[in-house]
Amino acid sequence: MSESDSKVDAYIQNAQPFAQPVLEYIRKTVHEFCPEAGEAMKWSFPHFIYKGKNLCSMASFKQHCAFGFWLESEMKTMKELTKDREKTSMFTLGKITTIEDLPSKSQLKNCILEAMELTDMGVTIKKASPNSTEIEVPDYFIEALETTPKAKDIFEKASPSFRKEYVMWITEAKTEATRNKRMAEAVEWISEGKGRHWKYAKK
């Protein structure tokens, strides 16, 4: 039986008007095809949990929503859906503003069932090589940077290693409170042109 979370109810109610029907539709669809799914708020946005693992998640921002699967890089259904789609958001389905921007219900069903199957098989996310030159910047960090244009400008023009150090520091936070504290510090330091490890740099 599906388990709802009152915090997810509140998240949807507090979302922008355009986002509310999108989030409700996603929530209803996930529970329809994954009756065992539970809900939890992690990193400030709703997650759907299957057998103790993150199955998928959704988020709402000022002008768009995002939805995706934690194992999407391993999913054939997602690769087929997004093969011609440019990644513009935290997940490869891109920036969603209406229900029509989502895949069809039958396509979502196939994605949900595949994500469940992979979870049952014990498949996990493949971590990017530590030597990779670029790293994805989460939408929630982009939103934080946008509150300080100078920080956003410096960050966008910075080297891949500069960006990567900050993103890894923030995404590795164990709690929402820690993550938010790190983001606030990061925005302040970046606006001053400081790298993540500026305190330890040789003077």
N, C-alpha and C. Protein backbone atom coordinates (compact mmCIF):
# COMPACT_ATOMS: atom_id res chain seq x y z
N MET A 1 0.84 -1.20 0.00
CA MET A 1 0.00 0.00 0.00
C MET A 1 0.88 1.25 0.00
N SER A 2 0.55 2.22 -0.82
CA SER A 2 1.33 3.44 -0.91
C SER A 2 1.30 4.21 0.40
N GLU A 3 2.42 4.83 0.70
CA GLU A 3 2.52 5.63 1.91
C GLU A 3 2.75 7.08 1.53
N SER A 4 1.85 7.96 1.97
CA SER A 4 2.02 9.38 1.68
C SER A 4 2.71 10.05 2.86
N ASP A 5 3.25 11.22 2.60
CA ASP A 5 3.96 11.97 3.63
C ASP A 5 3.35 13.38 3.69
N SER A 6 2.98 13.81 4.86
CA SER A 6 2.36 15.13 5.00
C SER A 6 3.30 16.25 4.56
N LYS A 7 4.60 16.01 4.64
CA LYS A 7 5.56 17.03 4.21
C LYS A 7 5.52 17.19 2.69
N VAL A 8 5.22 16.11 2.00
CA VAL A 8 5.07 16.18 0.54
C VAL A 8 3.78 16.93 0.20
N ASP A 9 2.73 16.68 0.99
CA ASP A 9 1.48 17.44 0.82
C ASP A 9 1.77 18.94 0.90
N ALA A 10 2.51 19.32 1.94
CA ALA A 10 2.83 20.73 2.17
C ALA A 10 3.70 21.29 1.04
N TYR A 11 4.64 20.46 0.57
CA TYR A 11 5.52 20.90 -0.53
C TYR A 11 4.70 21.25 -1.76
N ILE A 12 3.75 20.38 -2.09
CA ILE A 12 2.91 20.62 -3.27
C ILE A 12 2.03 21.86 -3.08
N GLN A 13 1.46 21.99 -1.90
CA GLN A 13 0.60 23.14 -1.61
C GLN A 13 1.35 24.47 -1.68
N ASN A 14 2.63 24.42 -1.35
CA ASN A 14 3.44 25.64 -1.36
C ASN A 14 4.11 25.92 -2.69
N ALA A 15 3.94 25.01 -3.64
CA ALA A 15 4.55 25.19 -4.95
C ALA A 15 3.80 26.26 -5.74
N GLN A 16 4.42 26.74 -6.81
CA GLN A 16 3.78 27.71 -7.69
C GLN A 16 2.49 27.09 -8.26
N PRO A 17 1.46 27.89 -8.53
CA PRO A 17 0.19 27.36 -9.05
C PRO A 17 0.34 26.46 -10.26
N PHE A 18 1.22 26.82 -11.20
CA PHE A 18 1.38 26.00 -12.40
C PHE A 18 1.94 24.62 -12.06
N ALA A 19 2.73 24.56 -10.98
CA ALA A 19 3.44 23.32 -10.62
C ALA A 19 2.56 22.32 -9.89
N GLN A 20 1.55 22.79 -9.18
CA GLN A 20 0.76 21.91 -8.33
C GLN A 20 0.11 20.74 -9.08
N PRO A 21 -0.57 20.98 -10.21
CA PRO A 21 -1.17 19.84 -10.93
C PRO A 21 -0.11 18.88 -11.49
N VAL A 22 1.04 19.42 -11.87
CA VAL A 22 2.13 18.58 -12.39
C VAL A 22 2.63 17.65 -11.29
N LEU A 23 2.89 18.20 -10.12
CA LEU A 23 3.40 17.41 -9.00
C LEU A 23 2.37 16.37 -8.55
N GLU A 24 1.10 16.77 -8.52
CA GLU A 24 0.04 15.84 -8.11
C GLU A 24 -0.06 14.68 -9.12
N TYR A 25 0.06 15.01 -10.40
CA TYR A 25 -0.03 13.98 -11.44
C TYR A 25 1.13 13.00 -11.32
N ILE A 26 2.33 13.52 -11.12
CA ILE A 26 3.51 12.66 -10.97
C ILE A 26 3.32 11.75 -9.75
N ARG A 27 2.91 12.33 -8.66
CA ARG A 27 2.72 11.58 -7.41
C ARG A 27 1.70 10.45 -7.62
N LYS A 28 0.58 10.78 -8.21
CA LYS A 28 -0.49 9.80 -8.44
C LYS A 28 -0.01 8.68 -9.37
N THR A 29 0.73 9.04 -10.41
CA THR A 29 1.20 8.06 -11.38
C THR A 29 2.22 7.11 -10.77
N VAL A 30 3.13 7.65 -9.98
CA VAL A 30 4.13 6.79 -9.33
C VAL A 30 3.45 5.78 -8.42
N HIS A 31 2.50 6.23 -7.62
CA HIS A 31 1.80 5.33 -6.71
C HIS A 31 0.92 4.32 -7.44
N GLU A 32 0.40 4.73 -8.59
CA GLU A 32 -0.44 3.82 -9.36
C GLU A 32 0.34 2.60 -9.84
N PHE A 33 1.55 2.85 -10.33
CA PHE A 33 2.34 1.76 -10.90
C PHE A 33 3.38 1.17 -9.94
N CYS A 34 3.57 1.83 -8.82
CA CYS A 34 4.44 1.29 -7.77
C CYS A 34 3.70 1.43 -6.44
N PRO A 35 2.71 0.56 -6.20
CA PRO A 35 1.89 0.65 -4.99
C PRO A 35 2.70 0.58 -3.70
N GLU A 36 3.89 -0.02 -3.76
CA GLU A 36 4.71 -0.15 -2.56
C GLU A 36 5.48 1.13 -2.23
N ALA A 37 5.43 2.10 -3.10
CA ALA A 37 6.26 3.30 -2.92
C ALA A 37 5.89 4.08 -1.66
N GLY A 38 6.91 4.50 -0.95
CA GLY A 38 6.73 5.40 0.17
C GLY A 38 7.19 6.78 -0.25
N GLU A 39 7.03 7.75 0.61
CA GLU A 39 7.44 9.13 0.29
C GLU A 39 8.36 9.67 1.38
N ALA A 40 9.24 10.56 0.99
CA ALA A 40 10.12 11.20 1.96
C ALA A 40 10.64 12.50 1.37
N MET A 41 10.89 13.47 2.24
CA MET A 41 11.54 14.71 1.81
C MET A 41 13.03 14.57 2.05
N LYS A 42 13.80 14.66 0.98
CA LYS A 42 15.26 14.59 1.08
C LYS A 42 15.83 15.75 0.28
N TRP A 43 16.80 16.43 0.85
CA TRP A 43 17.44 17.56 0.17
C TRP A 43 16.41 18.58 -0.30
N SER A 44 15.38 18.76 0.48
CA SER A 44 14.35 19.79 0.26
C SER A 44 13.34 19.47 -0.84
N PHE A 45 13.37 18.28 -1.43
CA PHE A 45 12.35 17.97 -2.42
C PHE A 45 11.87 16.52 -2.26
N PRO A 46 10.66 16.21 -2.77
CA PRO A 46 10.04 14.90 -2.55
C PRO A 46 10.71 13.76 -3.30
N HIS A 47 10.86 12.65 -2.57
CA HIS A 47 11.40 11.43 -3.15
C HIS A 47 10.37 10.31 -2.97
N PHE A 48 10.39 9.38 -3.91
CA PHE A 48 9.56 8.18 -3.80
C PHE A 48 10.50 7.02 -3.52
N ILE A 49 10.22 6.31 -2.44
CA ILE A 49 11.12 5.27 -1.94
C ILE A 49 10.55 3.88 -2.20
N TYR A 50 11.39 3.02 -2.77
CA TYR A 50 10.97 1.64 -3.06
C TYR A 50 11.97 0.68 -2.43
N LYS A 51 11.48 -0.11 -1.51
CA LYS A 51 12.33 -1.08 -0.80
C LYS A 51 13.56 -0.43 -0.19
N GLY A 52 13.33 0.75 0.39
CA GLY A 52 14.42 1.45 1.08
C GLY A 52 15.35 2.24 0.18
N LYS A 53 15.11 2.22 -1.12
CA LYS A 53 15.98 2.91 -2.07
C LYS A 53 15.23 4.05 -2.76
N ASN A 54 15.97 5.09 -3.17
CA ASN A 54 15.37 6.16 -3.95
C ASN A 54 14.97 5.62 -5.32
N LEU A 55 13.69 5.70 -5.63
CA LEU A 55 13.22 5.24 -6.94
C LEU A 55 13.21 6.40 -7.92
N CYS A 56 12.56 7.49 -7.52
CA CYS A 56 12.48 8.68 -8.35
C CYS A 56 12.18 9.88 -7.46
N SER A 57 12.24 11.05 -8.03
CA SER A 57 11.97 12.25 -7.23
C SER A 57 11.46 13.35 -8.14
N MET A 58 10.85 14.34 -7.50
CA MET A 58 10.33 15.49 -8.25
C MET A 58 10.67 16.75 -7.48
N ALA A 59 10.70 17.86 -8.18
CA ALA A 59 11.02 19.13 -7.54
C ALA A 59 10.30 20.25 -8.27
N SER A 60 10.07 21.33 -7.55
CA SER A 60 9.40 22.49 -8.12
C SER A 60 10.25 23.73 -7.91
N PHE A 61 10.39 24.51 -8.95
CA PHE A 61 11.16 25.76 -8.88
C PHE A 61 10.25 26.92 -9.30
N LYS A 62 10.80 28.08 -9.42
CA LYS A 62 9.98 29.25 -9.71
C LYS A 62 9.26 29.16 -11.05
N GLN A 63 9.93 28.57 -12.03
CA GLN A 63 9.35 28.58 -13.37
C GLN A 63 9.24 27.19 -14.01
N HIS A 64 9.64 26.16 -13.30
CA HIS A 64 9.53 24.82 -13.88
C HIS A 64 9.57 23.75 -12.79
N CYS A 65 9.24 22.54 -13.19
CA CYS A 65 9.35 21.37 -12.31
C CYS A 65 10.39 20.43 -12.90
N ALA A 66 10.83 19.50 -12.10
CA ALA A 66 11.76 18.48 -12.57
C ALA A 66 11.30 17.13 -12.04
N PHE A 67 11.51 16.09 -12.83
CA PHE A 67 11.15 14.74 -12.41
C PHE A 67 12.11 13.77 -13.06
N GLY A 68 12.54 12.78 -12.29
CA GLY A 68 13.43 11.80 -12.88
C GLY A 68 13.69 10.63 -11.95
N PHE A 69 14.41 9.67 -12.48
CA PHE A 69 14.70 8.43 -11.77
C PHE A 69 16.17 8.39 -11.34
N TRP A 70 16.41 7.86 -10.16
CA TRP A 70 17.76 7.82 -9.64
C TRP A 70 18.66 6.89 -10.43
N LEU A 71 18.07 5.90 -11.08
CA LEU A 71 18.88 4.97 -11.88
C LEU A 71 18.71 5.25 -13.37
N GLU A 72 18.34 6.48 -13.71
CA GLU A 72 18.01 6.76 -15.12
C GLU A 72 19.17 6.51 -16.06
N SER A 73 20.41 6.65 -15.58
CA SER A 73 21.57 6.40 -16.45
C SER A 73 21.68 4.94 -16.84
N GLU A 74 20.99 4.05 -16.09
CA GLU A 74 21.01 2.62 -16.38
C GLU A 74 19.73 2.14 -17.06
N MET A 75 18.78 3.05 -17.27
CA MET A 75 17.46 2.67 -17.76
C MET A 75 17.32 2.79 -19.28
N LYS A 76 16.97 1.69 -19.93
CA LYS A 76 16.77 1.70 -21.38
C LYS A 76 15.59 2.60 -21.77
N THR A 77 14.53 2.56 -20.94
CA THR A 77 13.35 3.37 -21.24
C THR A 77 13.69 4.86 -21.24
N MET A 78 14.50 5.29 -20.27
CA MET A 78 14.86 6.70 -20.18
C MET A 78 15.80 7.11 -21.31
N LYS A 79 16.71 6.23 -21.67
CA LYS A 79 17.64 6.54 -22.76
C LYS A 79 16.87 6.73 -24.07
N GLU A 80 15.84 5.92 -24.26
CA GLU A 80 15.02 6.04 -25.47
C GLU A 80 14.22 7.34 -25.46
N LEU A 81 13.69 7.69 -24.31
CA LEU A 81 12.88 8.91 -24.19
C LEU A 81 13.71 10.18 -24.35
N THR A 82 14.95 10.13 -23.94
CA THR A 82 15.75 11.36 -23.87
C THR A 82 16.90 11.40 -24.88
N LYS A 83 16.92 10.49 -25.85
CA LYS A 83 18.05 10.42 -26.77
C LYS A 83 18.22 11.70 -27.58
N ASP A 84 17.12 12.42 -27.84
CA ASP A 84 17.21 13.66 -28.62
C ASP A 84 16.93 14.89 -27.76
N ARG A 85 16.97 14.70 -26.46
CA ARG A 85 16.61 15.78 -25.55
C ARG A 85 17.86 16.34 -24.87
N GLU A 86 18.02 17.64 -24.91
CA GLU A 86 19.14 18.28 -24.24
C GLU A 86 18.83 18.39 -22.75
N LYS A 87 19.81 18.05 -21.92
CA LYS A 87 19.59 18.11 -20.47
C LYS A 87 19.66 19.56 -20.02
N THR A 88 18.54 20.07 -19.50
CA THR A 88 18.48 21.47 -19.07
C THR A 88 18.08 21.61 -17.61
N SER A 89 17.92 20.48 -16.93
CA SER A 89 17.48 20.52 -15.54
C SER A 89 18.20 19.44 -14.77
N MET A 90 17.78 19.22 -13.52
CA MET A 90 18.46 18.25 -12.67
C MET A 90 18.24 16.81 -13.15
N PHE A 91 17.25 16.58 -14.01
CA PHE A 91 17.02 15.28 -14.60
C PHE A 91 16.88 15.45 -16.11
N THR A 92 17.07 14.33 -16.84
CA THR A 92 17.10 14.43 -18.29
C THR A 92 15.76 14.70 -18.94
N LEU A 93 14.67 14.64 -18.18
CA LEU A 93 13.36 14.99 -18.78
C LEU A 93 13.23 16.49 -18.96
N GLY A 94 14.18 17.25 -18.42
CA GLY A 94 14.21 18.68 -18.65
C GLY A 94 13.26 19.48 -17.79
N LYS A 95 13.02 20.71 -18.20
CA LYS A 95 12.18 21.63 -17.43
C LYS A 95 10.72 21.42 -17.79
N ILE A 96 9.93 21.04 -16.80
CA ILE A 96 8.52 20.69 -17.00
C ILE A 96 7.63 21.81 -16.47
N THR A 97 6.75 22.31 -17.31
CA THR A 97 5.85 23.37 -16.87
C THR A 97 4.38 22.96 -16.93
N THR A 98 4.08 21.89 -17.67
CA THR A 98 2.71 21.37 -17.74
C THR A 98 2.76 19.85 -17.77
N ILE A 99 1.64 19.21 -17.52
CA ILE A 99 1.56 17.75 -17.57
C ILE A 99 1.92 17.25 -18.97
N GLU A 100 1.59 18.05 -19.98
CA GLU A 100 1.87 17.66 -21.37
C GLU A 100 3.37 17.57 -21.66
N ASP A 101 4.19 18.20 -20.82
CA ASP A 101 5.64 18.14 -21.02
C ASP A 101 6.21 16.80 -20.58
N LEU A 102 5.43 16.05 -19.82
CA LEU A 102 5.87 14.74 -19.35
C LEU A 102 5.65 13.68 -20.43
N PRO A 103 6.36 12.55 -20.34
CA PRO A 103 6.07 11.44 -21.26
C PRO A 103 4.63 10.97 -21.05
N SER A 104 4.11 10.19 -21.98
CA SER A 104 2.75 9.68 -21.85
C SER A 104 2.67 8.76 -20.62
N LYS A 105 1.45 8.48 -20.19
CA LYS A 105 1.27 7.64 -19.01
C LYS A 105 1.83 6.24 -19.23
N SER A 106 1.66 5.71 -20.42
CA SER A 106 2.19 4.37 -20.71
C SER A 106 3.72 4.37 -20.69
N GLN A 107 4.31 5.46 -21.16
CA GLN A 107 5.76 5.57 -21.12
C GLN A 107 6.25 5.69 -19.67
N LEU A 108 5.55 6.49 -18.88
CA LEU A 108 5.92 6.62 -17.47
C LEU A 108 5.79 5.27 -16.75
N LYS A 109 4.74 4.53 -17.10
CA LYS A 109 4.56 3.21 -16.51
C LYS A 109 5.76 2.33 -16.79
N ASN A 110 6.20 2.31 -18.04
CA ASN A 110 7.36 1.48 -18.42
C ASN A 110 8.61 1.92 -17.67
N CYS A 111 8.78 3.23 -17.50
CA CYS A 111 9.94 3.74 -16.78
C CYS A 111 9.91 3.32 -15.31
N ILE A 112 8.74 3.48 -14.69
CA ILE A 112 8.59 3.13 -13.28
C ILE A 112 8.84 1.64 -13.06
N LEU A 113 8.29 0.81 -13.93
CA LEU A 113 8.46 -0.64 -13.79
C LEU A 113 9.93 -1.04 -14.00
N GLU A 114 10.60 -0.38 -14.94
CA GLU A 114 12.01 -0.70 -15.15
C GLU A 114 12.85 -0.26 -13.95
N ALA A 115 12.54 0.92 -13.41
CA ALA A 115 13.28 1.41 -12.23
C ALA A 115 13.09 0.45 -11.06
N MET A 116 11.89 -0.06 -10.89
CA MET A 116 11.62 -1.04 -9.83
C MET A 116 12.42 -2.32 -10.06
N GLU A 117 12.44 -2.77 -11.31
CA GLU A 117 13.16 -4.00 -11.65
C GLU A 117 14.66 -3.86 -11.37
N LEU A 118 15.22 -2.72 -11.75
CA LEU A 118 16.65 -2.49 -11.51
C LEU A 118 16.94 -2.43 -10.01
N THR A 119 16.03 -1.82 -9.26
CA THR A 119 16.21 -1.77 -7.81
C THR A 119 16.16 -3.17 -7.22
N ASP A 120 15.24 -3.99 -7.71
CA ASP A 120 15.14 -5.38 -7.25
C ASP A 120 16.43 -6.15 -7.56
N MET A 121 17.08 -5.79 -8.65
CA MET A 121 18.31 -6.48 -9.07
C MET A 121 19.53 -5.97 -8.30
N GLY A 122 19.34 -4.90 -7.53
CA GLY A 122 20.46 -4.37 -6.76
C GLY A 122 21.35 -3.42 -7.53
N VAL A 123 20.87 -2.93 -8.67
CA VAL A 123 21.65 -1.99 -9.47
C VAL A 123 21.78 -0.66 -8.71
N THR A 124 22.96 -0.06 -8.76
CA THR A 124 23.20 1.21 -8.10
C THR A 124 23.73 2.23 -9.10
N ILE A 125 23.74 3.50 -8.70
CA ILE A 125 24.24 4.57 -9.57
C ILE A 125 25.74 4.43 -9.74
N LYS A 126 26.18 4.54 -10.97
CA LYS A 126 27.61 4.52 -11.24
C LYS A 126 28.18 5.91 -11.00
N LYS A 127 29.13 5.98 -10.10
CA LYS A 127 29.73 7.27 -9.78
C LYS A 127 30.66 7.72 -10.90
N ALA A 128 30.62 9.01 -11.17
CA ALA A 128 31.48 9.57 -12.21
C ALA A 128 32.94 9.46 -11.79
N SER A 129 33.81 9.34 -12.76
CA SER A 129 35.23 9.27 -12.47
C SER A 129 35.69 10.55 -11.79
N PRO A 130 36.53 10.43 -10.76
CA PRO A 130 37.00 11.62 -10.06
C PRO A 130 37.87 12.51 -10.96
N ASN A 131 38.28 11.95 -12.09
CA ASN A 131 39.12 12.72 -13.01
C ASN A 131 38.32 13.42 -14.10
N SER A 132 36.97 13.25 -14.07
CA SER A 132 36.16 13.89 -15.10
C SER A 132 36.28 15.40 -14.98
N THR A 133 36.25 16.09 -16.11
CA THR A 133 36.55 17.52 -16.12
C THR A 133 35.36 18.39 -15.70
N GLU A 134 34.15 17.90 -15.87
CA GLU A 134 32.98 18.71 -15.53
C GLU A 134 32.01 17.90 -14.68
N ILE A 135 31.20 18.57 -13.97
CA ILE A 135 30.24 17.91 -13.09
C ILE A 135 28.92 18.67 -13.16
N GLU A 136 27.83 17.93 -13.04
CA GLU A 136 26.51 18.54 -13.11
C GLU A 136 26.24 19.40 -11.87
N VAL A 137 25.69 20.57 -12.10
CA VAL A 137 25.37 21.47 -10.99
C VAL A 137 23.88 21.30 -10.65
N PRO A 138 23.55 20.87 -9.43
CA PRO A 138 22.14 20.68 -9.07
C PRO A 138 21.35 21.97 -9.19
N ASP A 139 20.08 21.84 -9.55
CA ASP A 139 19.23 23.02 -9.70
C ASP A 139 19.13 23.82 -8.41
N TYR A 140 19.12 23.13 -7.26
CA TYR A 140 18.97 23.88 -6.02
C TYR A 140 20.18 24.78 -5.75
N PHE A 141 21.37 24.38 -6.24
CA PHE A 141 22.54 25.23 -6.07
C PHE A 141 22.50 26.38 -7.07
N ILE A 142 22.00 26.11 -8.27
CA ILE A 142 21.85 27.18 -9.26
C ILE A 142 20.89 28.24 -8.72
N GLU A 143 19.79 27.78 -8.12
CA GLU A 143 18.82 28.71 -7.53
C GLU A 143 19.48 29.57 -6.47
N ALA A 144 20.34 28.97 -5.64
CA ALA A 144 21.02 29.72 -4.59
C ALA A 144 21.97 30.75 -5.19
N LEU A 145 22.68 30.37 -6.24
CA LEU A 145 23.60 31.28 -6.90
C LEU A 145 22.88 32.46 -7.54
N GLU A 146 21.67 32.20 -8.02
CA GLU A 146 20.92 33.25 -8.70
C GLU A 146 20.49 34.37 -7.75
N THR A 147 20.56 34.12 -6.44
CA THR A 147 20.23 35.17 -5.48
C THR A 147 21.33 36.22 -5.40
N THR A 148 22.52 35.86 -5.90
CA THR A 148 23.67 36.78 -5.90
C THR A 148 24.29 36.76 -7.29
N PRO A 149 23.87 37.65 -8.18
CA PRO A 149 24.34 37.65 -9.56
C PRO A 149 25.86 37.59 -9.72
N LYS A 150 26.58 38.29 -8.83
CA LYS A 150 28.04 38.28 -8.93
C LYS A 150 28.59 36.88 -8.73
N ALA A 151 28.04 36.17 -7.74
CA ALA A 151 28.49 34.81 -7.47
C ALA A 151 28.17 33.90 -8.66
N LYS A 152 26.98 34.05 -9.22
CA LYS A 152 26.57 33.23 -10.36
C LYS A 152 27.49 33.48 -11.56
N ASP A 153 27.82 34.73 -11.80
CA ASP A 153 28.69 35.08 -12.93
C ASP A 153 30.09 34.49 -12.75
N ILE A 154 30.63 34.62 -11.54
CA ILE A 154 31.97 34.09 -11.27
C ILE A 154 31.97 32.57 -11.40
N PHE A 155 30.93 31.93 -10.86
CA PHE A 155 30.86 30.47 -10.89
C PHE A 155 30.78 29.95 -12.33
N GLU A 156 29.97 30.60 -13.14
CA GLU A 156 29.79 30.15 -14.53
C GLU A 156 31.07 30.28 -15.35
N LYS A 157 31.90 31.26 -15.00
CA LYS A 157 33.13 31.50 -15.75
C LYS A 157 34.34 30.76 -15.15
N ALA A 158 34.14 30.14 -13.99
CA ALA A 158 35.24 29.48 -13.29
C ALA A 158 35.65 28.18 -13.98
N SER A 159 36.80 27.69 -13.60
CA SER A 159 37.33 26.45 -14.17
C SER A 159 36.49 25.25 -13.71
N PRO A 160 36.53 24.15 -14.45
CA PRO A 160 35.78 22.95 -14.04
C PRO A 160 36.15 22.48 -12.64
N SER A 161 37.43 22.55 -12.30
CA SER A 161 37.86 22.09 -10.98
C SER A 161 37.30 22.97 -9.87
N PHE A 162 37.23 24.29 -10.11
CA PHE A 162 36.66 25.24 -9.14
C PHE A 162 35.19 24.88 -8.89
N ARG A 163 34.46 24.65 -9.96
CA ARG A 163 33.04 24.34 -9.85
C ARG A 163 32.83 22.98 -9.18
N LYS A 164 33.64 22.02 -9.59
CA LYS A 164 33.49 20.65 -9.09
C LYS A 164 33.69 20.57 -7.58
N GLU A 165 34.66 21.30 -7.05
CA GLU A 165 34.94 21.26 -5.62
C GLU A 165 33.75 21.76 -4.81
N TYR A 166 33.12 22.81 -5.29
CA TYR A 166 31.95 23.34 -4.59
C TYR A 166 30.75 22.40 -4.70
N VAL A 167 30.50 21.89 -5.90
CA VAL A 167 29.35 21.01 -6.11
C VAL A 167 29.48 19.74 -5.27
N MET A 168 30.65 19.15 -5.25
CA MET A 168 30.86 17.92 -4.48
C MET A 168 30.68 18.18 -2.99
N TRP A 169 31.18 19.31 -2.51
CA TRP A 169 31.07 19.67 -1.10
C TRP A 169 29.60 19.80 -0.69
N ILE A 170 28.81 20.42 -1.55
CA ILE A 170 27.40 20.64 -1.26
C ILE A 170 26.58 19.36 -1.38
N THR A 171 26.79 18.61 -2.45
CA THR A 171 25.99 17.39 -2.65
C THR A 171 26.34 16.29 -1.67
N GLU A 172 27.50 16.35 -1.06
CA GLU A 172 27.90 15.32 -0.10
C GLU A 172 27.39 15.60 1.31
N ALA A 173 26.70 16.72 1.50
CA ALA A 173 26.14 17.04 2.82
C ALA A 173 25.16 15.95 3.24
N LYS A 174 25.24 15.54 4.49
CA LYS A 174 24.40 14.44 4.98
C LYS A 174 22.98 14.88 5.33
N THR A 175 22.81 16.14 5.67
CA THR A 175 21.48 16.62 6.05
C THR A 175 21.12 17.88 5.27
N GLU A 176 19.84 18.19 5.24
CA GLU A 176 19.38 19.39 4.55
C GLU A 176 19.95 20.65 5.20
N ALA A 177 20.01 20.65 6.54
CA ALA A 177 20.53 21.82 7.26
C ALA A 177 21.99 22.07 6.90
N THR A 178 22.76 21.00 6.84
CA THR A 178 24.17 21.12 6.47
C THR A 178 24.33 21.61 5.05
N ARG A 179 23.51 21.06 4.16
CA ARG A 179 23.58 21.47 2.76
C ARG A 179 23.25 22.95 2.60
N ASN A 180 22.20 23.41 3.26
CA ASN A 180 21.81 24.81 3.16
C ASN A 180 22.89 25.73 3.73
N LYS A 181 23.52 25.32 4.82
CA LYS A 181 24.60 26.11 5.42
C LYS A 181 25.79 26.20 4.45
N ARG A 182 26.11 25.08 3.83
CA ARG A 182 27.22 25.06 2.88
C ARG A 182 26.91 25.92 1.65
N MET A 183 25.68 25.87 1.19
CA MET A 183 25.32 26.68 0.03
C MET A 183 25.44 28.17 0.34
N ALA A 184 25.00 28.56 1.52
CA ALA A 184 25.09 29.97 1.91
C ALA A 184 26.55 30.41 1.95
N GLU A 185 27.40 29.58 2.52
CA GLU A 185 28.83 29.90 2.59
C GLU A 185 29.44 29.92 1.19
N ALA A 186 29.03 28.96 0.36
CA ALA A 186 29.58 28.89 -0.99
C ALA A 186 29.25 30.14 -1.79
N VAL A 187 28.01 30.59 -1.72
CA VAL A 187 27.60 31.79 -2.46
C VAL A 187 28.42 33.00 -1.99
N GLU A 188 28.62 33.10 -0.68
CA GLU A 188 29.41 34.22 -0.14
C GLU A 188 30.85 34.16 -0.63
N TRP A 189 31.46 32.99 -0.53
CA TRP A 189 32.86 32.84 -0.93
C TRP A 189 33.06 33.04 -2.44
N ILE A 190 32.14 32.46 -3.22
CA ILE A 190 32.26 32.59 -4.68
C ILE A 190 32.12 34.04 -5.11
N SER A 191 31.22 34.78 -4.46
CA SER A 191 31.04 36.19 -4.82
C SER A 191 32.31 37.00 -4.53
N GLU A 192 33.15 36.46 -3.65
CA GLU A 192 34.43 37.11 -3.33
C GLU A 192 35.57 36.53 -4.16
N GLY A 193 35.22 35.61 -5.07
CA GLY A 193 36.23 35.02 -5.94
C GLY A 193 37.08 33.96 -5.28
N LYS A 194 36.58 33.42 -4.16
CA LYS A 194 37.36 32.43 -3.41
C LYS A 194 37.00 31.00 -3.82
N GLY A 195 37.99 30.17 -3.90
CA GLY A 195 37.77 28.76 -4.20
C GLY A 195 37.31 28.03 -2.95
N ARG A 196 36.88 26.82 -3.12
CA ARG A 196 36.36 26.03 -2.01
C ARG A 196 37.36 25.93 -0.85
N HIS A 197 38.64 25.76 -1.15
CA HIS A 197 39.66 25.57 -0.11
C HIS A 197 40.50 26.82 0.12
N TRP A 198 39.87 27.99 -0.04
CA TRP A 198 40.62 29.24 0.09
C TRP A 198 41.27 29.40 1.44
N LYS A 199 40.68 28.85 2.48
CA LYS A 199 41.24 29.02 3.83
C LYS A 199 42.62 28.37 3.96
N TYR A 200 42.83 27.37 3.11
CA TYR A 200 44.09 26.63 3.22
C TYR A 200 45.10 26.98 2.14
N ALA A 201 44.72 27.93 1.29
CA ALA A 201 45.63 28.35 0.23
C ALA A 201 46.83 29.10 0.80
N LYS A 202 47.96 28.95 0.15
CA LYS A 202 49.18 29.64 0.58
C LYS A 202 49.03 31.14 0.34
N LYS A 203 49.38 31.91 1.33
CA LYS A 203 49.26 33.36 1.21
C LYS A 203 50.58 33.98 0.76
